[in-house]
Every structure is written in structure tokens, then in C-alpha cells.
C-alpha atoms as a PDB file:
ATOM      1  CA  MET A   1      13.187-120.643 -31.730  1.00  0.00           C
ATOM      2  CA  THR A   2      13.813-117.383 -30.137  1.00  0.00           C
ATOM      3  CA  THR A   3      12.860-116.397 -26.754  1.00  0.00           C
ATOM      4  CA  LEU A   4      11.936-113.012 -25.696  1.00  0.00           C
ATOM      5  CA  ASN A   5      13.632-111.763 -22.580  1.00  0.00           C
ATOM      6  CA  THR A   6      11.358-109.826 -20.360  1.00  0.00           C
ATOM      7  CA  THR A   7      12.321-108.506 -17.068  1.00  0.00           C
ATOM      8  CA  THR A   8      10.005-107.062 -14.552  1.00  0.00           C
ATOM      9  CA  THR A   9      10.652-104.373 -12.115  1.00  0.00           C
ATOM     10  CA  THR A  10       9.600-104.994  -8.406  1.00  0.00           C
ATOM     11  CA  THR A  11       8.620-102.060  -6.860  1.00  0.00           C
ATOM     12  CA  GLN A  12       8.271-101.852  -3.189  1.00  0.00           C
ATOM     13  CA  ASN A  13       7.558 -99.381  -0.444  1.00  0.00           C
ATOM     14  CA  LEU A  14      10.223 -98.501   2.079  1.00  0.00           C
ATOM     15  CA  ARG A  15      10.281 -96.510   5.386  1.00  0.00           C
ATOM     16  CA  VAL A  16      13.144 -94.185   4.766  1.00  0.00           C
ATOM     17  CA  TRP A  17      12.560 -91.019   6.881  1.00  0.00           C
ATOM     18  CA  ASP A  18      11.571 -91.683  10.543  1.00  0.00           C
ATOM     19  CA  LEU A  19       8.929 -89.099  12.177  1.00  0.00           C
ATOM     20  CA  PRO A  20      11.585 -87.359  14.227  1.00  0.00           C
ATOM     21  CA  THR A  21      13.769 -86.687  10.913  1.00  0.00           C
ATOM     22  CA  ARG A  22      10.664 -85.391   9.125  1.00  0.00           C
ATOM     23  CA  LEU A  23       9.305 -83.324  12.189  1.00  0.00           C
ATOM     24  CA  PHE A  24      12.954 -81.924  12.184  1.00  0.00           C
ATOM     25  CA  HIS A  25      13.005 -81.156   8.458  1.00  0.00           C
ATOM     26  CA  TRP A  26      10.038 -79.163   8.513  1.00  0.00           C
ATOM     27  CA  SER A  27      10.188 -77.296  11.762  1.00  0.00           C
ATOM     28  CA  LEU A  28      13.747 -76.200  10.710  1.00  0.00           C
ATOM     29  CA  ALA A  29      12.530 -75.075   7.330  1.00  0.00           C
ATOM     30  CA  ALA A  30       9.729 -73.151   9.032  1.00  0.00           C
ATOM     31  CA  SER A  31      11.885 -71.590  11.683  1.00  0.00           C
ATOM     32  CA  PHE A  32      14.377 -70.577   9.247  1.00  0.00           C
ATOM     33  CA  VAL A  33      11.892 -69.159   6.999  1.00  0.00           C
ATOM     34  CA  ILE A  34      10.386 -67.231   9.997  1.00  0.00           C
ATOM     35  CA  ALA A  35      13.880 -65.868  11.276  1.00  0.00           C
ATOM     36  CA  PHE A  36      14.596 -64.852   7.670  1.00  0.00           C
ATOM     37  CA  ILE A  37      11.316 -62.700   7.005  1.00  0.00           C
ATOM     38  CA  THR A  38      11.599 -61.076  10.259  1.00  0.00           C
ATOM     39  CA  ALA A  39      15.154 -60.390  10.256  1.00  0.00           C
ATOM     40  CA  GLU A  40      14.884 -56.718   9.071  1.00  0.00           C
ATOM     41  CA  SER A  41      12.039 -55.619  11.369  1.00  0.00           C
ATOM     42  CA  GLU A  42      12.459 -54.051  14.996  1.00  0.00           C
ATOM     43  CA  ARG A  43       8.930 -54.705  15.654  1.00  0.00           C
ATOM     44  CA  TRP A  44       9.368 -58.493  15.007  1.00  0.00           C
ATOM     45  CA  ARG A  45      12.769 -58.730  16.721  1.00  0.00           C
ATOM     46  CA  ASP A  46      11.336 -61.183  19.504  1.00  0.00           C
ATOM     47  CA  ILE A  47       9.729 -63.315  16.745  1.00  0.00           C
ATOM     48  CA  HIS A  48      13.258 -63.537  15.046  1.00  0.00           C
ATOM     49  CA  VAL A  49      15.173 -64.386  18.223  1.00  0.00           C
ATOM     50  CA  ALA A  50      12.472 -67.222  19.139  1.00  0.00           C
ATOM     51  CA  ALA A  51      13.030 -68.594  15.651  1.00  0.00           C
ATOM     52  CA  GLY A  52      16.687 -68.593  15.724  1.00  0.00           C
ATOM     53  CA  TYR A  53      16.795 -69.972  19.184  1.00  0.00           C
ATOM     54  CA  THR A  54      14.175 -72.894  17.785  1.00  0.00           C
ATOM     55  CA  MET A  55      16.722 -73.359  14.938  1.00  0.00           C
ATOM     56  CA  ALA A  56      19.909 -73.944  17.345  1.00  0.00           C
ATOM     57  CA  GLY A  57      17.802 -76.258  19.351  1.00  0.00           C
ATOM     58  CA  LEU A  58      16.594 -78.478  16.373  1.00  0.00           C
ATOM     59  CA  ILE A  59      19.929 -78.352  14.960  1.00  0.00           C
ATOM     60  CA  VAL A  60      21.603 -79.645  18.210  1.00  0.00           C
ATOM     61  CA  PHE A  61      18.742 -82.453  18.356  1.00  0.00           C
ATOM     62  CA  ARG A  62      19.650 -83.214  14.712  1.00  0.00           C
ATOM     63  CA  LEU A  63      23.399 -83.759  15.130  1.00  0.00           C
ATOM     64  CA  LEU A  64      22.477 -85.835  18.202  1.00  0.00           C
ATOM     65  CA  TRP A  65      19.831 -87.935  16.187  1.00  0.00           C
ATOM     66  CA  GLY A  66      22.661 -88.231  13.244  1.00  0.00           C
ATOM     67  CA  PHE A  67      24.367 -90.741  15.756  1.00  0.00           C
ATOM     68  CA  VAL A  68      21.542 -92.753  17.308  1.00  0.00           C
ATOM     69  CA  GLY A  69      18.902 -92.244  15.102  1.00  0.00           C
ATOM     70  CA  SER A  70      17.303 -94.672  12.465  1.00  0.00           C
ATOM     71  CA  VAL A  71      19.505 -96.189   9.658  1.00  0.00           C
ATOM     72  CA  HIS A  72      18.953 -93.355   6.929  1.00  0.00           C
ATOM     73  CA  ALA A  73      19.015 -90.594   9.618  1.00  0.00           C
ATOM     74  CA  ARG A  74      22.373 -91.498  10.792  1.00  0.00           C
ATOM     75  CA  PHE A  75      25.556 -89.618   9.343  1.00  0.00           C
ATOM     76  CA  ALA A  76      27.381 -92.655   8.720  1.00  0.00           C
ATOM     77  CA  ASP A  77      24.528 -93.797   6.193  1.00  0.00           C
ATOM     78  CA  PHE A  78      25.233 -90.777   3.978  1.00  0.00           C
ATOM     79  CA  MET A  79      28.438 -88.990   4.869  1.00  0.00           C
ATOM     80  CA  PRO A  80      29.684 -87.808   1.359  1.00  0.00           C
ATOM     81  CA  THR A  81      33.197 -88.170   0.307  1.00  0.00           C
ATOM     82  CA  PRO A  82      34.729 -86.311  -2.622  1.00  0.00           C
ATOM     83  CA  ALA A  83      34.611 -89.530  -4.816  1.00  0.00           C
ATOM     84  CA  LYS A  84      31.014 -90.155  -4.299  1.00  0.00           C
ATOM     85  CA  LEU A  85      30.138 -86.791  -4.746  1.00  0.00           C
ATOM     86  CA  VAL A  86      31.873 -86.433  -8.409  1.00  0.00           C
ATOM     87  CA  ALA A  87      30.692 -89.758  -9.344  1.00  0.00           C
ATOM     88  CA  TYR A  88      26.880 -88.768  -8.506  1.00  0.00           C
ATOM     89  CA  ILE A  89      27.260 -85.447 -10.467  1.00  0.00           C
ATOM     90  CA  LYS A  90      28.742 -87.250 -13.495  1.00  0.00           C
ATOM     91  CA  SER A  91      26.015 -89.975 -12.981  1.00  0.00           C
ATOM     92  CA  LEU A  92      23.484 -87.055 -13.308  1.00  0.00           C
ATOM     93  CA  LEU A  93      25.337 -85.008 -16.277  1.00  0.00           C
ATOM     94  CA  THR A  94      25.071 -88.472 -18.327  1.00  0.00           C
ATOM     95  CA  GLY A  95      21.393 -88.735 -17.597  1.00  0.00           C
ATOM     96  CA  GLN A  96      21.862 -92.122 -15.659  1.00  0.00           C
ATOM     97  CA  PRO A  97      21.624 -90.886 -12.049  1.00  0.00           C
ATOM     98  CA  GLN A  98      22.762 -93.034  -9.239  1.00  0.00           C
ATOM     99  CA  HIS A  99      19.902 -93.995  -6.849  1.00  0.00           C
ATOM    100  CA  TYR A 100      20.304 -93.903  -3.339  1.00  0.00           C
ATOM    101  CA  VAL A 101      17.562 -95.031  -0.969  1.00  0.00           C
ATOM    102  CA  GLY A 102      18.387 -92.554   1.691  1.00  0.00           C
ATOM    103  CA  HIS A 103      20.170 -89.036   0.935  1.00  0.00           C
ATOM    104  CA  ASN A 104      22.310 -88.997  -2.369  1.00  0.00           C
ATOM    105  CA  PRO A 105      25.700 -87.465  -2.044  1.00  0.00           C
ATOM    106  CA  ALA A 106      24.656 -83.798  -3.327  1.00  0.00           C
ATOM    107  CA  GLY A 107      21.600 -84.101  -0.381  1.00  0.00           C
ATOM    108  CA  ALA A 108      24.283 -84.994   2.129  1.00  0.00           C
ATOM    109  CA  VAL A 109      26.450 -82.200   1.356  1.00  0.00           C
ATOM    110  CA  ALA A 110      23.444 -79.655   1.557  1.00  0.00           C
ATOM    111  CA  ILE A 111      22.455 -80.904   4.873  1.00  0.00           C
ATOM    112  CA  LEU A 112      25.806 -80.649   6.305  1.00  0.00           C
ATOM    113  CA  LEU A 113      26.125 -77.070   4.992  1.00  0.00           C
ATOM    114  CA  LEU A 114      22.741 -76.222   6.430  1.00  0.00           C
ATOM    115  CA  LEU A 115      23.502 -77.683   9.834  1.00  0.00           C
ATOM    116  CA  GLY A 116      26.896 -75.682   9.840  1.00  0.00           C
ATOM    117  CA  LEU A 117      25.585 -72.292   8.581  1.00  0.00           C
ATOM    118  CA  GLY A 118      22.463 -72.566  10.893  1.00  0.00           C
ATOM    119  CA  LEU A 119      24.354 -73.284  13.974  1.00  0.00           C
ATOM    120  CA  LEU A 120      26.943 -70.511  12.936  1.00  0.00           C
ATOM    121  CA  ALA A 121      24.035 -68.084  12.252  1.00  0.00           C
ATOM    122  CA  ALA A 122      22.233 -68.988  15.526  1.00  0.00           C
ATOM    123  CA  ALA A 123      25.740 -68.528  17.683  1.00  0.00           C
ATOM    124  CA  SER A 124      26.335 -64.938  15.563  1.00  0.00           C
ATOM    125  CA  GLY A 125      22.887 -64.246  16.044  1.00  0.00           C
ATOM    126  CA  TRP A 126      22.745 -64.542  19.891  1.00  0.00           C
ATOM    127  CA  ILE A 127      26.325 -62.817  20.181  1.00  0.00           C
ATOM    128  CA  THR A 128      24.736 -59.937  18.227  1.00  0.00           C
ATOM    129  CA  TYR A 129      21.474 -60.111  20.742  1.00  0.00           C
ATOM    130  CA  GLN A 130      24.002 -59.695  23.439  1.00  0.00           C
ATOM    131  CA  ASP A 131      25.437 -56.551  22.076  1.00  0.00           C
ATOM    132  CA  MET A 132      28.730 -58.038  21.357  1.00  0.00           C
ATOM    133  CA  GLY A 133      30.578 -58.089  18.095  1.00  0.00           C
ATOM    134  CA  GLY A 134      29.299 -54.957  17.022  1.00  0.00           C
ATOM    135  CA  HIS A 135      28.677 -54.077  13.446  1.00  0.00           C
ATOM    136  CA  PHE A 136      31.098 -56.944  12.177  1.00  0.00           C
ATOM    137  CA  MET A 137      28.844 -59.706  13.933  1.00  0.00           C
ATOM    138  CA  GLU A 138      25.744 -58.252  12.613  1.00  0.00           C
ATOM    139  CA  GLU A 139      27.236 -58.501   9.185  1.00  0.00           C
ATOM    140  CA  LEU A 140      28.356 -61.621   9.878  1.00  0.00           C
ATOM    141  CA  HIS A 141      25.302 -63.130  11.104  1.00  0.00           C
ATOM    142  CA  GLU A 142      23.380 -61.595   7.925  1.00  0.00           C
ATOM    143  CA  GLY A 143      25.911 -63.215   5.697  1.00  0.00           C
ATOM    144  CA  LEU A 144      25.699 -66.520   7.133  1.00  0.00           C
ATOM    145  CA  ALA A 145      21.898 -66.300   6.901  1.00  0.00           C
ATOM    146  CA  ASN A 146      21.934 -65.377   3.191  1.00  0.00           C
ATOM    147  CA  GLY A 147      24.467 -68.139   2.518  1.00  0.00           C
ATOM    148  CA  MET A 148      21.848 -70.490   4.297  1.00  0.00           C
ATOM    149  CA  MET A 149      19.311 -69.116   2.182  1.00  0.00           C
ATOM    150  CA  ALA A 150      21.224 -69.707  -0.954  1.00  0.00           C
ATOM    151  CA  VAL A 151      21.951 -73.399  -0.147  1.00  0.00           C
ATOM    152  CA  VAL A 152      18.039 -73.800   0.836  1.00  0.00           C
ATOM    153  CA  VAL A 153      17.323 -72.586  -2.791  1.00  0.00           C
ATOM    154  CA  ILE A 154      19.835 -75.000  -4.241  1.00  0.00           C
ATOM    155  CA  HIS A 155      18.689 -77.902  -2.171  1.00  0.00           C
ATOM    156  CA  ILE A 156      15.060 -77.264  -3.191  1.00  0.00           C
ATOM    157  CA  ALA A 157      16.059 -77.085  -6.931  1.00  0.00           C
ATOM    158  CA  GLY A 158      18.056 -80.427  -6.304  1.00  0.00           C
ATOM    159  CA  VAL A 159      15.033 -82.079  -4.826  1.00  0.00           C
ATOM    160  CA  ALA A 160      12.887 -81.027  -7.822  1.00  0.00           C
ATOM    161  CA  VAL A 161      15.628 -82.282 -10.711  1.00  0.00           C
ATOM    162  CA  SER A 162      16.275 -85.444  -8.464  1.00  0.00           C
ATOM    163  CA  SER A 163      12.611 -86.281  -8.439  1.00  0.00           C
ATOM    164  CA  TRP A 164      12.088 -85.915 -11.722  1.00  0.00           C
ATOM    165  CA  LEU A 165      15.355 -87.590 -13.158  1.00  0.00           C
ATOM    166  CA  HIS A 166      14.473 -90.837 -10.231  1.00  0.00           C
ATOM    167  CA  HIS A 167      10.919 -90.702 -11.206  1.00  0.00           C
ATOM    168  CA  GLU A 168       9.805 -90.359  -7.525  1.00  0.00           C
ATOM    169  CA  ASN A 169       8.410 -87.653  -5.233  1.00  0.00           C
ATOM    170  CA  LEU A 170      11.007 -86.890  -2.535  1.00  0.00           C
ATOM    171  CA  VAL A 171       8.539 -84.130  -0.977  1.00  0.00           C
ATOM    172  CA  LYS A 172       5.885 -86.602  -0.538  1.00  0.00           C
ATOM    173  CA  ALA A 173       8.624 -88.968   0.852  1.00  0.00           C
ATOM    174  CA  MET A 174       9.611 -86.334   3.555  1.00  0.00           C
ATOM    175  CA  ILE A 175       6.128 -85.799   4.239  1.00  0.00           C
ATOM    176  CA  THR A 176       5.187 -89.691   4.501  1.00  0.00           C
ATOM    177  CA  GLY A 177       8.368 -91.150   5.324  1.00  0.00           C
ATOM    178  CA  TRP A 178       7.911 -93.569   2.454  1.00  0.00           C
ATOM    179  CA  LYS A 179      10.069 -94.127  -0.700  1.00  0.00           C
ATOM    180  CA  LYS A 180       9.541 -96.309  -3.621  1.00  0.00           C
ATOM    181  CA  SER A 181      12.556 -98.654  -4.293  1.00  0.00           C
ATOM    182  CA  THR A 182      12.889-100.729  -7.535  1.00  0.00           C
END
């Protein structure tokens, strides 16, 4: 007599992203977009500066929250290592992606780049606004903002690919805070 081996997969909802992390994420996205689109206009300079200051304040909050926040908001939960990053990318390329409840190593790299570039862009923007550093500082500020935009585009593409490969809606998870875990 042969028996069929059937396995069932249990799916449960997990609270992954806490409210402060979600509010930070969407507020940073909004302030960056506002700063980016108002960058070339003298007419909108005050809005550009306010958005930059907002970004800087949000990033300082996130750096603190990375040490005292909820489990998946803490840097210790998702700090990438080169080995973890390479293993994750290999798993993507083989079509059998490693699943992470919180941030995957590629997402963690994006987060660290966005935080770092955001702080540097805000600092160089402040220096430029104080009329220090001259043309070099203006160019540095613009280059940092453009670098941040490149990381944002890659991050959005990564979210789309990861959502598709893992069969989960990461955008919805960053809005509601809930993810399905299998």
C-alpha cells in the first residue's frame, strides 16, 4: 500500500513594520521627492530647504530607532555582511530566493546607502545654504542627491522583484505593517 505524502503550508500574518518605521519610510520618501523636484528653482528654494531639514531630522530619528526600536527596525536584525549579500543574490539568480521576515540583505544595503547619502546630502545642502564651500559644495550636494535617487530607483525595482519572487506585497506590508509568513 502506498501513501501519499501531502504537506500543508501554514500561512500566518506577522506584524513586521511598526508604526514609527512606516511613518519614517513614507515621510522620508515624500520629503526626498519634494526636495529633489524643487532643487533647480529659486522660487521653491524655501520648500527645498525645509524638505532637506525634514529629511535630516527623519534620518536622525531612524538612526536612533535602529538601536531602540522594535525587532525588525533594529540594525542588529538586518545588518548585511558580504557573505549574506552574496548568498542572497545567488539565491535570487537560481530562482529560489532566501526569505527574510524583515529586511533581506539587499534591502539592508539600500537602507544603509539611503541613510548615509541622505545625511551627506542634507549636510552638504546646509553648507551650501550657508554660502560655504562654493561651487564644489553645490556640485557635491547635487551628486549626492542624484546618487540617492539612483538608490531609490534600484530600491523600488528590488521591492517589485522581491514581491514577485516571494509572492508577497512588500508595499502593502510597508503601509499596514503586516506580512504573511509561511
